C-alpha atoms as a PDB file:
ATOM      1  CA  MET A   1      -7.685 -31.871   8.597  1.00  0.00           C
ATOM      2  CA  LYS A   2      -5.171 -34.583   7.878  1.00  0.00           C
ATOM      3  CA  THR A   3      -1.552 -33.443   7.438  1.00  0.00           C
ATOM      4  CA  ARG A   4       1.853 -35.019   6.959  1.00  0.00           C
ATOM      5  CA  ILE A   5       3.455 -33.061   9.777  1.00  0.00           C
ATOM      6  CA  ARG A   6       3.934 -36.050  12.081  1.00  0.00           C
ATOM      7  CA  GLU A   7       5.444 -38.113   9.248  1.00  0.00           C
ATOM      8  CA  LEU A   8       7.862 -35.308   8.325  1.00  0.00           C
ATOM      9  CA  ARG A   9       8.782 -34.712  11.965  1.00  0.00           C
ATOM     10  CA  LEU A  10       9.564 -38.385  12.541  1.00  0.00           C
ATOM     11  CA  GLU A  11      11.646 -38.555   9.342  1.00  0.00           C
ATOM     12  CA  ARG A  12      13.903 -35.946  10.926  1.00  0.00           C
ATOM     13  CA  ASN A  13      13.864 -37.678  14.333  1.00  0.00           C
ATOM     14  CA  LEU A  14      12.417 -34.580  15.976  1.00  0.00           C
ATOM     15  CA  THR A  15      10.316 -34.616  19.098  1.00  0.00           C
ATOM     16  CA  GLN A  16       7.105 -32.635  19.173  1.00  0.00           C
ATOM     17  CA  GLN A  17       8.681 -30.340  21.748  1.00  0.00           C
ATOM     18  CA  THR A  18      11.751 -29.662  19.584  1.00  0.00           C
ATOM     19  CA  LEU A  19       9.678 -28.889  16.502  1.00  0.00           C
ATOM     20  CA  ALA A  20       7.233 -26.782  18.508  1.00  0.00           C
ATOM     21  CA  ASN A  21      10.105 -24.740  19.960  1.00  0.00           C
ATOM     22  CA  HIS A  22      11.551 -24.230  16.477  1.00  0.00           C
ATOM     23  CA  LEU A  23       8.173 -23.017  15.206  1.00  0.00           C
ATOM     24  CA  GLY A  24       7.480 -20.818  18.220  1.00  0.00           C
ATOM     25  CA  ILE A  25       4.353 -22.686  19.300  1.00  0.00           C
ATOM     26  CA  ASN A  26       3.642 -24.924  22.264  1.00  0.00           C
ATOM     27  CA  GLN A  27       3.822 -28.706  22.130  1.00  0.00           C
ATOM     28  CA  THR A  28       0.108 -29.105  22.860  1.00  0.00           C
ATOM     29  CA  SER A  29      -0.808 -27.046  19.784  1.00  0.00           C
ATOM     30  CA  LEU A  30       1.503 -29.123  17.602  1.00  0.00           C
ATOM     31  CA  SER A  31       0.036 -32.332  19.004  1.00  0.00           C
ATOM     32  CA  LYS A  32      -3.493 -31.163  18.148  1.00  0.00           C
ATOM     33  CA  ILE A  33      -2.414 -30.262  14.615  1.00  0.00           C
ATOM     34  CA  GLU A  34      -0.736 -33.644  14.126  1.00  0.00           C
ATOM     35  CA  ARG A  35      -3.892 -35.433  15.352  1.00  0.00           C
ATOM     36  CA  GLY A  36      -6.082 -33.344  13.066  1.00  0.00           C
ATOM     37  CA  THR A  37      -8.092 -31.776  15.878  1.00  0.00           C
ATOM     38  CA  SER A  38      -6.684 -28.337  15.065  1.00  0.00           C
ATOM     39  CA  THR A  39      -5.734 -26.656  11.803  1.00  0.00           C
ATOM     40  CA  PRO A  40      -2.428 -24.836  11.267  1.00  0.00           C
ATOM     41  CA  ASP A  41      -2.791 -21.222  10.177  1.00  0.00           C
ATOM     42  CA  GLY A  42      -1.204 -20.048   6.933  1.00  0.00           C
ATOM     43  CA  MET A  43       1.957 -18.667   8.516  1.00  0.00           C
ATOM     44  CA  LEU A  44       2.571 -21.866  10.463  1.00  0.00           C
ATOM     45  CA  LEU A  45       1.980 -23.918   7.338  1.00  0.00           C
ATOM     46  CA  ILE A  46       4.598 -21.869   5.475  1.00  0.00           C
ATOM     47  CA  ALA A  47       7.049 -22.241   8.372  1.00  0.00           C
ATOM     48  CA  LEU A  48       6.511 -26.011   8.341  1.00  0.00           C
ATOM     49  CA  ALA A  49       7.084 -26.168   4.580  1.00  0.00           C
ATOM     50  CA  ARG A  50      10.337 -24.226   4.950  1.00  0.00           C
ATOM     51  CA  THR A  51      11.449 -26.347   7.881  1.00  0.00           C
ATOM     52  CA  PHE A  52      10.923 -29.614   6.013  1.00  0.00           C
ATOM     53  CA  HIS A  53      11.756 -28.287   2.516  1.00  0.00           C
ATOM     54  CA  VAL A  54       8.457 -29.437   1.057  1.00  0.00           C
ATOM     55  CA  THR A  55       5.487 -27.680  -0.475  1.00  0.00           C
ATOM     56  CA  THR A  56       2.486 -26.654   1.583  1.00  0.00           C
ATOM     57  CA  ASP A  57       0.397 -28.787  -0.786  1.00  0.00           C
ATOM     58  CA  TYR A  58       2.463 -31.817   0.175  1.00  0.00           C
ATOM     59  CA  ILE A  59       1.848 -31.158   3.877  1.00  0.00           C
ATOM     60  CA  LEU A  60      -1.894 -30.895   3.257  1.00  0.00           C
ATOM     61  CA  PHE A  61      -2.111 -34.025   1.028  1.00  0.00           C
ATOM     62  CA  LEU A  62      -3.013 -31.866  -1.984  1.00  0.00           C
ATOM     63  CA  SER A  63       0.033 -33.136  -3.877  1.00  0.00           C
ATOM     64  CA  GLU A  64       2.383 -36.077  -3.787  1.00  0.00           C
ATOM     65  CA  GLU A  65       5.241 -33.878  -5.002  1.00  0.00           C
ATOM     66  CA  ARG A  66       7.438 -33.107  -2.012  1.00  0.00           C
ATOM     67  CA  LEU A  67       9.743 -30.550  -3.543  1.00  0.00           C
ATOM     68  CA  ASN A  68       8.964 -27.665  -5.814  1.00  0.00           C
ATOM     69  CA  ALA A  69      12.033 -26.256  -7.589  1.00  0.00           C
ATOM     70  CA  ASP A  70      10.535 -22.765  -7.765  1.00  0.00           C
ATOM     71  CA  TYR A  71       9.791 -22.843  -4.057  1.00  0.00           C
ATOM     72  CA  LEU A  72      13.308 -23.998  -3.161  1.00  0.00           C
ATOM     73  CA  LEU A  73      14.862 -21.356  -5.393  1.00  0.00           C
ATOM     74  CA  ALA A  74      12.719 -18.606  -3.859  1.00  0.00           C
ATOM     75  CA  ASP A  75      13.556 -19.811  -0.352  1.00  0.00           C
ATOM     76  CA  ASN A  76      17.273 -19.886  -1.141  1.00  0.00           C
ATOM     77  CA  MET A  77      17.109 -16.392  -2.659  1.00  0.00           C
ATOM     78  CA  PHE A  78      15.316 -15.101   0.443  1.00  0.00           C
ATOM     79  CA  HIS A  79      18.093 -16.417   2.690  1.00  0.00           C
ATOM     80  CA  LEU A  80      20.832 -15.227   0.333  1.00  0.00           C
ATOM     81  CA  LYS A  81      19.494 -11.658   0.417  1.00  0.00           C
ATOM     82  CA  LYS A  82      19.250 -11.797   4.198  1.00  0.00           C
ATOM     83  CA  TYR A  83      22.850 -13.029   4.520  1.00  0.00           C
ATOM     84  CA  GLN A  84      24.105 -10.418   2.063  1.00  0.00           C
ATOM     85  CA  HIS A  85      22.459  -7.698   4.150  1.00  0.00           C
ATOM     86  CA  LEU A  86      24.029  -9.048   7.350  1.00  0.00           C
ATOM     87  CA  ILE A  87      27.467  -9.104   5.699  1.00  0.00           C
ATOM     88  CA  THR A  88      26.995  -5.507   4.522  1.00  0.00           C
ATOM     89  CA  VAL A  89      26.090  -4.409   8.052  1.00  0.00           C
ATOM     90  CA  TYR A  90      29.073  -6.298   9.508  1.00  0.00           C
ATOM     91  CA  GLN A  91      31.455  -4.722   6.980  1.00  0.00           C
ATOM     92  CA  LYS A  92      30.303  -1.234   7.983  1.00  0.00           C
ATOM     93  CA  MET A  93      31.448  -1.871  11.562  1.00  0.00           C
ATOM     94  CA  ASN A  94      34.903  -0.966  12.770  1.00  0.00           C
ATOM     95  CA  GLN A  95      37.181  -3.767  13.966  1.00  0.00           C
ATOM     96  CA  LYS A  96      36.195  -3.390  17.630  1.00  0.00           C
ATOM     97  CA  GLN A  97      32.478  -3.502  16.761  1.00  0.00           C
ATOM     98  CA  GLN A  98      33.046  -6.604  14.618  1.00  0.00           C
ATOM     99  CA  GLU A  99      34.822  -8.310  17.507  1.00  0.00           C
ATOM    100  CA  HIS A 100      31.975  -7.472  19.904  1.00  0.00           C
ATOM    101  CA  CYS A 101      29.404  -8.664  17.389  1.00  0.00           C
ATOM    102  CA  TYR A 102      31.258 -11.924  16.757  1.00  0.00           C
ATOM    103  CA  ASN A 103      31.751 -12.604  20.464  1.00  0.00           C
ATOM    104  CA  PHE A 104      28.086 -11.806  21.181  1.00  0.00           C
ATOM    105  CA  LEU A 105      26.876 -14.196  18.488  1.00  0.00           C
ATOM    106  CA  CYS A 106      29.204 -16.949  19.702  1.00  0.00           C
ATOM    107  CA  SER A 107      27.988 -16.480  23.269  1.00  0.00           C
ATOM    108  CA  MET A 108      24.349 -16.727  22.115  1.00  0.00           C
ATOM    109  CA  LEU A 109      25.150 -20.068  20.482  1.00  0.00           C
ATOM    110  CA  GLY A 110      27.119 -21.337  23.462  1.00  0.00           C
ATOM    111  CA  MET A 111      30.359 -21.248  21.513  1.00  0.00           C
ATOM    112  CA  ASN A 112      33.322 -20.027  23.518  1.00  0.00           C
ATOM    113  CA  GLU A 113      35.309 -18.730  20.561  1.00  0.00           C
ATOM    114  CA  GLU A 114      36.662 -15.217  20.865  1.00  0.00           C
ATOM    115  CA  LEU A 115      38.545 -13.175  18.301  1.00  0.00           C
END
């Protein structure tokens, strides 16, 4: 099955390893998908579409339309609801818990910023 995954990956200057890590698959699997010797499953196809902000149809050569406004709106709403929930959880914490949470998140990202 021919896909546009390699083209989209190169547009973003991503290595196969970097994209594979982002998607939670191994580089060999991604290589096989890019060569057309393996087919991405539905969940991986959706993850690729979200990563590159294109439709799944575009990835699969079923459409030349890269962006779908409804898709982008739905994706943005999904993330907005997730962020709103995280803010609500954070606001329920006391100041000490917020500090620990902030410091933990910064340490996970390799940022040495403490409150």
